[in-house]
Amino acid sequence: MALSNLLDPGESEQYKYHLLLDHLKVDQARRLAFAYVHAQDPYTQAIQALDERYGQPRQLALRELRAIMEMPAIRIGDGRGLDQFSLRVQALVGLLQSMGREGLSELTCGSHVERLLEKLPSEQFCQFKRSMSLSRPGSLSYNLLDFSSWLQREARCQPRREGSLQSVRPRPPPSHPFRAAAILHGSKTSPQVTSPTVQIAPTRVSQLSPNTSSIRCPVCAYCNCPEHHVSKCDDFLQLTNDQRTSWIKEQKRCWRCARDHFANQCDLKGRCNQCNGKHLQVLCNINQRQVQNFYLDHPSDCNKVLLKVVDVTLRNGNKSLDTYAILDDGSERTILLHPAAQKLQLMGEPESLTLRTVRQDVQTLNGATVSFTLIPKAHPD
């Protein structure tokens, strides 16, 4: 239902089929949908197969009944539990009513009510039977609609206690730890002893130095020396930019602070004094990005990414270029590299694009908006 409401009816079967596979989380359902991967209309056939396997009204009703039966039994005076039970039954009835004729047979099935009655106390079980016999003299038939209406009335009649929905706050721990006390009762008491002897074990409290918790010694990320930071490490400062880059890649260190985590997990707050970037100043040179020019076409409305590599030919007037293209079904723009634009002699209006890389850094790409023709090599016409 969600896919039918959100997807454009004009989209291709293959596009809707890929979206369906992305949203199927159950392994059995995903394998069932994979059976139609080579069909001419894979989305339509996969949806029909899923409906036949998992979407029948009786199957949905039985699945919801199993979920309700797994709820804890309602105890006498448990108003909150009865209210939750009533809401689940009401949701089941609403689901069956929305199915029209397909759900009518399940609504009128009395065996479902018999199973649900097992969750109620014996007193309320008798109350429901008595209520049905009084409302319908001479007939003991009832259905899910009758049971749901009776549950809603019973839930409204339950007493509401103030603060029943508020969370219980645990008591704060005592400021001083308890001391163990041993009370010794002897069978033969000396005449001088008039009360039992109480021995309190001495409590030993280890005091930490105030410097251990409040002051954190700097540790060099390069040489693990606790006397200096990586920005003051003589060995690290003597490395070239290529050597620092190789060390960060091999040791899988952070590009911003050189510590043992990835850049997207870095909590560094300070900024570089040279470029105002979010990294240490000693790592400024290796965090600089080479400026590249990209050429973009007009944006599209698709936001899903499915990548493929194909042989293509680019044309601009009498200029052509044989190359490879990465097909991104969910991309908003088409990016053309600068050498290709130069060979095709493309000229356009200047435009900038903000790009977030896999290292969670934001880049601003300067290029231009151009127009060109993209055709596959297999069908040049």
Protein backbone atom coordinates (compact mmCIF):
# COMPACT_ATOMS: atom_id res chain seq x y z
CA MET A 1 0.00 0.00 0.00
CA ALA A 2 2.83 2.41 0.84
CA LEU A 3 4.64 1.74 -2.44
CA SER A 4 1.45 2.12 -4.46
CA ASN A 5 0.74 5.50 -2.89
CA LEU A 6 4.29 6.86 -3.10
CA LEU A 7 5.49 5.61 -6.48
CA ASP A 8 4.62 7.41 -9.67
CA PRO A 9 2.50 5.14 -11.91
CA GLY A 10 4.59 6.27 -14.87
CA GLU A 11 7.83 4.82 -13.45
CA SER A 12 9.29 1.75 -15.11
CA GLU A 13 8.74 -1.75 -13.78
CA GLN A 14 12.46 -2.23 -13.18
CA TYR A 15 12.74 0.97 -11.12
CA LYS A 16 9.78 0.06 -8.90
CA TYR A 17 11.10 -3.50 -8.60
CA HIS A 18 14.46 -2.26 -7.25
CA LEU A 19 12.66 -0.07 -4.72
CA LEU A 20 10.59 -3.05 -3.63
CA LEU A 21 13.74 -5.11 -3.05
CA ASP A 22 15.29 -2.30 -1.02
CA HIS A 23 12.30 -2.23 1.35
CA LEU A 24 11.90 -6.00 1.82
CA LYS A 25 13.59 -6.91 5.10
CA VAL A 26 12.26 -10.46 5.59
CA ASP A 27 14.54 -13.02 3.95
CA GLN A 28 11.72 -15.30 2.75
CA ALA A 29 9.81 -12.43 1.18
CA ARG A 30 12.99 -11.11 -0.48
CA ARG A 31 13.77 -14.52 -1.97
CA LEU A 32 10.21 -14.78 -3.26
CA ALA A 33 10.55 -11.39 -4.99
CA PHE A 34 13.91 -12.45 -6.50
CA ALA A 35 12.10 -15.17 -8.41
CA TYR A 36 10.77 -12.50 -10.81
CA VAL A 37 14.02 -10.64 -11.45
CA HIS A 38 14.05 -11.61 -15.15
CA ALA A 39 10.31 -11.11 -15.80
CA GLN A 40 9.07 -8.42 -18.21
CA ASP A 41 6.98 -6.86 -15.41
CA PRO A 42 8.94 -7.89 -12.28
CA TYR A 43 7.30 -5.39 -9.92
CA THR A 44 3.71 -6.37 -10.75
CA GLN A 45 4.37 -10.12 -10.56
CA ALA A 46 6.39 -9.80 -7.34
CA ILE A 47 3.63 -7.75 -5.67
CA GLN A 48 1.00 -10.31 -6.68
CA ALA A 49 3.12 -13.18 -5.32
CA LEU A 50 3.71 -11.33 -2.04
CA ASP A 51 0.00 -10.60 -1.70
CA GLU A 52 -0.87 -14.26 -2.25
CA ARG A 53 1.76 -15.40 0.24
CA TYR A 54 1.56 -12.75 2.97
CA GLY A 55 -1.29 -10.37 2.16
CA GLN A 56 -4.43 -12.50 2.45
CA PRO A 57 -6.96 -11.22 5.02
CA ARG A 58 -7.00 -14.50 6.92
CA GLN A 59 -3.22 -14.56 7.12
CA LEU A 60 -3.07 -10.97 8.35
CA ALA A 61 -5.78 -11.65 10.92
CA LEU A 62 -4.09 -14.81 12.18
CA ARG A 63 -0.73 -13.03 12.40
CA GLU A 64 -2.24 -10.21 14.44
CA LEU A 65 -4.10 -12.74 16.60
CA ARG A 66 -0.83 -14.50 17.35
CA ALA A 67 0.73 -11.18 18.34
CA ILE A 68 -2.20 -10.41 20.66
CA MET A 69 -2.12 -13.89 22.17
CA GLU A 70 1.56 -13.39 23.01
CA MET A 71 0.65 -10.45 25.25
CA PRO A 72 0.61 -11.17 29.00
CA ALA A 73 -2.72 -12.30 30.47
CA ILE A 74 -4.95 -9.57 31.90
CA ARG A 75 -5.15 -9.68 35.69
CA ILE A 76 -8.09 -8.57 37.81
CA GLY A 77 -8.00 -4.79 38.32
CA ASP A 78 -5.28 -4.26 35.66
CA GLY A 79 -6.91 -1.29 33.92
CA ARG A 80 -3.84 -0.38 31.93
CA GLY A 81 -3.39 -3.92 30.60
CA LEU A 82 -7.06 -4.12 29.66
CA ASP A 83 -6.80 -0.78 27.83
CA GLN A 84 -3.79 -1.98 25.78
CA PHE A 85 -5.57 -5.25 25.01
CA SER A 86 -8.67 -3.31 23.90
CA LEU A 87 -6.61 -1.10 21.56
CA ARG A 88 -4.97 -4.11 19.90
CA VAL A 89 -8.34 -5.77 19.30
CA GLN A 90 -9.78 -2.49 17.99
CA ALA A 91 -6.85 -2.17 15.57
CA LEU A 92 -7.46 -5.74 14.36
CA VAL A 93 -11.16 -4.99 13.76
CA GLY A 94 -10.30 -1.79 11.89
CA LEU A 95 -7.84 -3.69 9.68
CA LEU A 96 -10.47 -6.27 8.75
CA GLN A 97 -13.13 -3.61 8.13
CA SER A 98 -10.84 -1.76 5.71
CA MET A 99 -10.58 -4.92 3.58
CA GLY A 100 -14.29 -4.93 2.72
CA ARG A 101 -15.67 -8.30 1.70
CA GLU A 102 -12.33 -10.01 2.15
CA GLY A 103 -12.30 -9.22 5.86
CA LEU A 104 -16.01 -9.79 6.52
CA SER A 105 -15.59 -13.52 7.03
CA GLU A 106 -12.90 -12.96 9.64
CA LEU A 107 -14.98 -10.34 11.45
CA THR A 108 -17.92 -12.74 11.84
CA CYS A 109 -15.75 -15.66 12.95
CA GLY A 110 -16.62 -16.59 16.55
CA SER A 111 -13.55 -18.79 17.04
CA HIS A 112 -11.32 -15.70 17.07
CA VAL A 113 -13.32 -14.31 19.98
CA GLU A 114 -13.01 -17.60 21.87
CA ARG A 115 -9.23 -17.42 21.58
CA LEU A 116 -9.11 -13.81 22.71
CA LEU A 117 -11.34 -14.53 25.71
CA GLU A 118 -8.59 -16.76 27.09
CA LYS A 119 -6.54 -13.64 27.90
CA LEU A 120 -9.22 -12.26 30.26
CA PRO A 121 -9.83 -13.22 33.90
CA SER A 122 -12.68 -15.65 34.57
CA GLU A 123 -14.84 -12.84 36.03
CA GLN A 124 -14.64 -10.73 32.87
CA PHE A 125 -15.09 -13.84 30.73
CA CYS A 126 -18.43 -14.43 32.46
CA GLN A 127 -19.33 -10.72 32.21
CA PHE A 128 -18.91 -10.80 28.44
CA LYS A 129 -21.05 -13.94 28.12
CA ARG A 130 -23.70 -12.41 30.35
CA SER A 131 -23.68 -9.16 28.39
CA MET A 132 -24.15 -10.98 25.08
CA SER A 133 -27.01 -13.12 26.45
CA LEU A 134 -28.82 -10.02 27.76
CA SER A 135 -28.42 -8.06 24.54
CA ARG A 136 -29.45 -11.02 22.37
CA PRO A 137 -31.91 -13.20 24.27
CA GLY A 138 -32.02 -16.75 22.99
CA SER A 139 -28.79 -16.46 21.01
CA LEU A 140 -25.18 -16.90 22.15
CA SER A 141 -23.54 -15.91 18.84
CA TYR A 142 -21.02 -13.08 18.85
CA ASN A 143 -18.20 -11.80 16.65
CA LEU A 144 -15.13 -9.56 16.77
CA LEU A 145 -17.22 -6.40 16.45
CA ASP A 146 -19.23 -7.31 19.54
CA PHE A 147 -16.12 -8.24 21.48
CA SER A 148 -14.27 -5.04 20.52
CA SER A 149 -17.23 -2.82 21.49
CA TRP A 150 -17.58 -4.58 24.84
CA LEU A 151 -13.82 -4.25 25.51
CA GLN A 152 -13.90 -0.52 24.83
CA ARG A 153 -16.76 -0.05 27.31
CA GLU A 154 -14.98 -2.12 29.93
CA ALA A 155 -11.72 -0.18 29.45
CA ARG A 156 -13.55 3.14 29.91
CA CYS A 157 -15.12 1.88 33.15
CA GLN A 158 -11.76 1.01 34.71
CA PRO A 159 -10.53 3.43 37.44
CA ARG A 160 -7.86 5.89 36.33
CA ARG A 161 -5.16 6.56 38.87
CA GLU A 162 -3.23 9.79 38.70
CA GLY A 163 0.37 9.35 37.78
CA SER A 164 -0.20 5.85 36.41
CA LEU A 165 1.54 6.81 33.17
CA GLN A 166 4.45 8.55 34.86
CA SER A 167 7.74 6.77 34.96
CA VAL A 168 9.00 5.62 38.34
CA ARG A 169 12.20 7.39 39.30
CA PRO A 170 14.73 5.30 41.17
CA ARG A 171 15.88 6.50 44.53
CA PRO A 172 19.25 8.23 44.58
CA PRO A 173 22.07 6.16 46.10
CA PRO A 174 23.05 7.02 49.67
CA SER A 175 25.83 9.53 50.11
CA HIS A 176 27.75 7.22 52.44
CA PRO A 177 28.24 3.46 51.88
CA PHE A 178 26.73 1.05 54.36
CA ARG A 179 29.11 -0.59 56.79
CA ALA A 180 28.78 -4.27 57.58
CA ALA A 181 27.70 -5.11 61.12
CA ALA A 182 28.08 -8.56 62.70
CA ILE A 183 25.83 -9.34 65.68
CA LEU A 184 27.13 -12.24 67.80
CA HIS A 185 24.64 -14.11 69.99
CA GLY A 186 26.31 -16.62 72.34
CA SER A 187 24.53 -19.55 73.93
CA LYS A 188 26.28 -18.88 77.24
CA THR A 189 26.36 -15.22 78.14
CA SER A 190 28.63 -13.83 80.81
CA PRO A 191 26.82 -12.22 83.77
CA GLN A 192 28.51 -8.91 83.10
CA VAL A 193 27.11 -8.73 79.53
CA THR A 194 23.64 -7.19 79.48
CA SER A 195 23.26 -6.59 75.71
CA PRO A 196 24.38 -8.40 72.60
CA THR A 197 27.81 -7.46 71.34
CA VAL A 198 27.86 -5.53 68.07
CA GLN A 199 31.04 -5.45 66.03
CA ILE A 200 31.21 -2.94 63.17
CA ALA A 201 33.78 -3.81 60.56
CA PRO A 202 35.99 -0.84 59.73
CA THR A 203 35.30 0.70 56.34
CA ARG A 204 38.26 1.47 54.13
CA VAL A 205 37.73 4.22 51.58
CA SER A 206 40.50 4.66 49.05
CA GLN A 207 41.02 8.29 48.13
CA LEU A 208 42.09 9.15 44.63
CA SER A 209 44.45 11.92 43.84
CA PRO A 210 42.58 14.95 42.50
CA ASN A 211 44.88 15.09 39.50
CA THR A 212 43.91 11.62 38.19
CA SER A 213 40.30 12.50 37.31
CA SER A 214 40.45 16.20 36.52
CA ILE A 215 43.65 16.38 34.46
CA ARG A 216 44.24 14.16 31.42
CA CYS A 217 47.85 13.92 30.37
CA PRO A 218 48.47 14.44 26.65
CA VAL A 219 49.51 11.35 24.73
CA CYS A 220 51.20 11.63 21.36
CA ALA A 221 49.22 9.81 18.68
CA TYR A 222 52.41 9.07 16.73
CA CYS A 223 54.95 7.87 19.32
CA ASN A 224 52.59 7.28 22.33
CA CYS A 225 54.74 9.52 24.49
CA PRO A 226 52.74 10.94 27.45
CA GLU A 227 54.87 14.09 27.62
CA HIS A 228 53.69 15.89 24.48
CA HIS A 229 50.96 16.07 21.85
CA VAL A 230 51.31 15.02 18.22
CA SER A 231 51.59 18.68 17.16
CA LYS A 232 54.75 18.94 19.34
CA CYS A 233 56.26 15.60 18.34
CA ASP A 234 59.68 16.11 16.73
CA ASP A 235 59.52 12.76 14.92
CA PHE A 236 56.13 13.55 13.37
CA LEU A 237 57.14 17.09 12.39
CA GLN A 238 60.11 15.74 10.44
CA LEU A 239 57.85 13.64 8.21
CA THR A 240 56.87 14.87 4.77
CA ASN A 241 53.25 15.26 3.71
CA ASP A 242 53.36 12.00 1.75
CA GLN A 243 54.82 10.15 4.74
CA ARG A 244 52.12 11.54 7.04
CA THR A 245 49.43 10.55 4.55
CA SER A 246 50.83 7.03 4.24
CA TRP A 247 51.03 6.66 8.02
CA ILE A 248 47.39 7.73 8.49
CA LYS A 249 46.20 5.33 5.78
CA GLU A 250 48.24 2.35 7.00
CA GLN A 251 47.41 2.85 10.68
CA LYS A 252 43.76 3.77 9.91
CA ARG A 253 43.99 7.01 11.86
CA CYS A 254 41.75 10.04 11.86
CA TRP A 255 42.55 12.66 9.21
CA ARG A 256 41.63 15.45 11.60
CA CYS A 257 43.41 14.61 14.87
CA ALA A 258 45.55 11.50 14.03
CA ARG A 259 43.92 9.49 16.82
CA ASP A 260 42.76 5.87 16.57
CA HIS A 261 39.30 6.39 15.01
CA PHE A 262 37.72 7.46 11.73
CA ALA A 263 37.10 11.06 10.71
CA ASN A 264 33.30 10.75 10.94
CA GLN A 265 33.70 9.76 14.62
CA CYS A 266 36.03 12.62 15.53
CA ASP A 267 34.94 14.96 18.33
CA LEU A 268 37.58 17.62 17.68
CA LYS A 269 36.17 21.08 18.46
CA GLY A 270 39.10 23.32 17.61
CA ARG A 271 39.88 24.62 14.13
CA CYS A 272 43.04 25.10 12.13
CA ASN A 273 44.60 28.56 12.38
CA GLN A 274 45.67 28.51 8.72
CA CYS A 275 42.50 27.51 6.86
CA ASN A 276 39.88 27.45 9.64
CA GLY A 277 39.27 23.78 8.87
CA LYS A 278 38.17 21.29 11.48
CA HIS A 279 41.55 19.57 11.95
CA LEU A 280 44.87 20.07 13.70
CA GLN A 281 47.17 22.66 12.23
CA VAL A 282 49.95 20.09 11.87
CA LEU A 283 47.61 18.10 9.54
CA CYS A 284 46.54 21.09 7.47
CA ASN A 285 48.57 20.27 4.35
CA ILE A 286 47.32 16.69 4.05
CA ASN A 287 43.71 17.82 4.51
CA GLN A 288 43.83 20.19 1.55
CA ARG A 289 41.90 19.01 -1.48
CA GLN A 290 42.94 19.48 -5.08
CA VAL A 291 40.52 21.76 -6.92
CA GLN A 292 38.73 19.99 -9.79
CA ASN A 293 36.22 21.27 -12.32
CA PHE A 294 33.01 19.34 -12.99
CA TYR A 295 30.30 19.98 -15.54
CA LEU A 296 26.70 19.33 -14.58
CA ASP A 297 23.39 19.05 -16.33
CA HIS A 298 19.99 20.03 -14.98
CA PRO A 299 18.76 18.32 -11.74
CA SER A 300 16.27 15.45 -11.69
CA ASP A 301 13.73 14.26 -9.11
CA CYS A 302 15.15 10.75 -8.49
CA ASN A 303 16.94 10.07 -5.19
CA LYS A 304 17.84 6.36 -5.38
CA VAL A 305 21.34 5.18 -6.36
CA LEU A 306 21.91 2.08 -8.52
CA LEU A 307 25.34 2.13 -10.18
CA LYS A 308 26.39 0.42 -13.41
CA VAL A 309 29.39 0.95 -15.76
CA VAL A 310 28.75 1.04 -19.53
CA ASP A 311 30.57 2.02 -22.72
CA VAL A 312 29.23 5.30 -24.08
CA THR A 313 29.97 7.95 -26.67
CA LEU A 314 29.72 11.66 -25.86
CA ARG A 315 28.87 14.12 -28.63
CA ASN A 316 28.84 17.87 -28.89
CA GLY A 317 28.22 18.99 -32.45
CA ASN A 318 30.89 17.35 -34.62
CA LYS A 319 33.03 16.47 -31.57
CA SER A 320 32.76 12.97 -30.05
CA LEU A 321 34.49 11.03 -27.28
CA ASP A 322 34.42 7.28 -26.53
CA THR A 323 34.60 6.67 -22.78
CA TYR A 324 32.95 4.88 -19.85
CA ALA A 325 30.00 6.14 -17.80
CA ILE A 326 28.85 5.25 -14.30
CA LEU A 327 25.05 5.12 -14.39
CA ASP A 328 23.60 6.46 -11.15
CA ASP A 329 19.81 6.02 -11.17
CA GLY A 330 19.40 8.12 -8.05
CA SER A 331 21.76 10.97 -8.89
CA GLU A 332 20.40 14.49 -9.13
CA ARG A 333 23.08 15.69 -11.55
CA THR A 334 25.32 14.30 -14.28
CA ILE A 335 29.02 15.02 -13.62
CA LEU A 336 31.48 15.32 -16.51
CA LEU A 337 35.19 15.50 -15.80
CA HIS A 338 37.23 18.46 -16.99
CA PRO A 339 39.38 16.62 -19.62
CA ALA A 340 36.23 15.33 -21.34
CA ALA A 341 34.69 18.80 -21.37
CA GLN A 342 37.86 20.23 -22.91
CA LYS A 343 37.97 17.63 -25.68
CA LEU A 344 34.31 18.20 -26.53
CA GLN A 345 34.89 22.00 -26.34
CA LEU A 346 31.97 22.48 -23.97
CA MET A 347 31.29 25.98 -22.65
CA GLY A 348 28.58 26.82 -20.14
CA GLU A 349 27.48 29.05 -17.29
CA PRO A 350 29.63 28.92 -14.12
CA GLU A 351 28.11 26.93 -11.25
CA SER A 352 29.27 25.59 -7.85
CA LEU A 353 28.28 22.25 -6.26
CA THR A 354 28.57 21.26 -2.58
CA LEU A 355 29.76 17.66 -2.25
CA ARG A 356 30.17 15.52 0.89
CA THR A 357 32.88 12.87 0.53
CA VAL A 358 33.21 9.45 2.17
CA ARG A 359 35.50 11.07 4.74
CA GLN A 360 32.56 13.25 5.85
CA ASP A 361 34.24 16.41 4.54
CA VAL A 362 32.31 19.00 2.57
CA GLN A 363 33.82 20.20 -0.72
CA THR A 364 32.73 23.01 -2.99
CA LEU A 365 33.27 22.06 -6.64
CA ASN A 366 33.56 24.83 -9.18
CA GLY A 367 32.43 24.08 -12.72
CA ALA A 368 29.85 25.03 -15.32
CA THR A 369 26.44 23.91 -16.58
CA VAL A 370 26.75 22.41 -20.08
CA SER A 371 24.69 20.37 -22.55
CA PHE A 372 25.87 17.31 -24.49
CA THR A 373 24.53 14.07 -25.99
CA LEU A 374 25.12 10.66 -24.36
CA ILE A 375 24.58 7.51 -26.48
CA PRO A 376 25.59 3.85 -25.96
CA LYS A 377 28.41 2.43 -28.10
CA ALA A 378 26.37 -0.64 -29.02
CA HIS A 379 23.70 1.54 -30.71
CA PRO A 380 25.44 4.67 -32.02
CA ASP A 381 22.37 5.73 -33.98
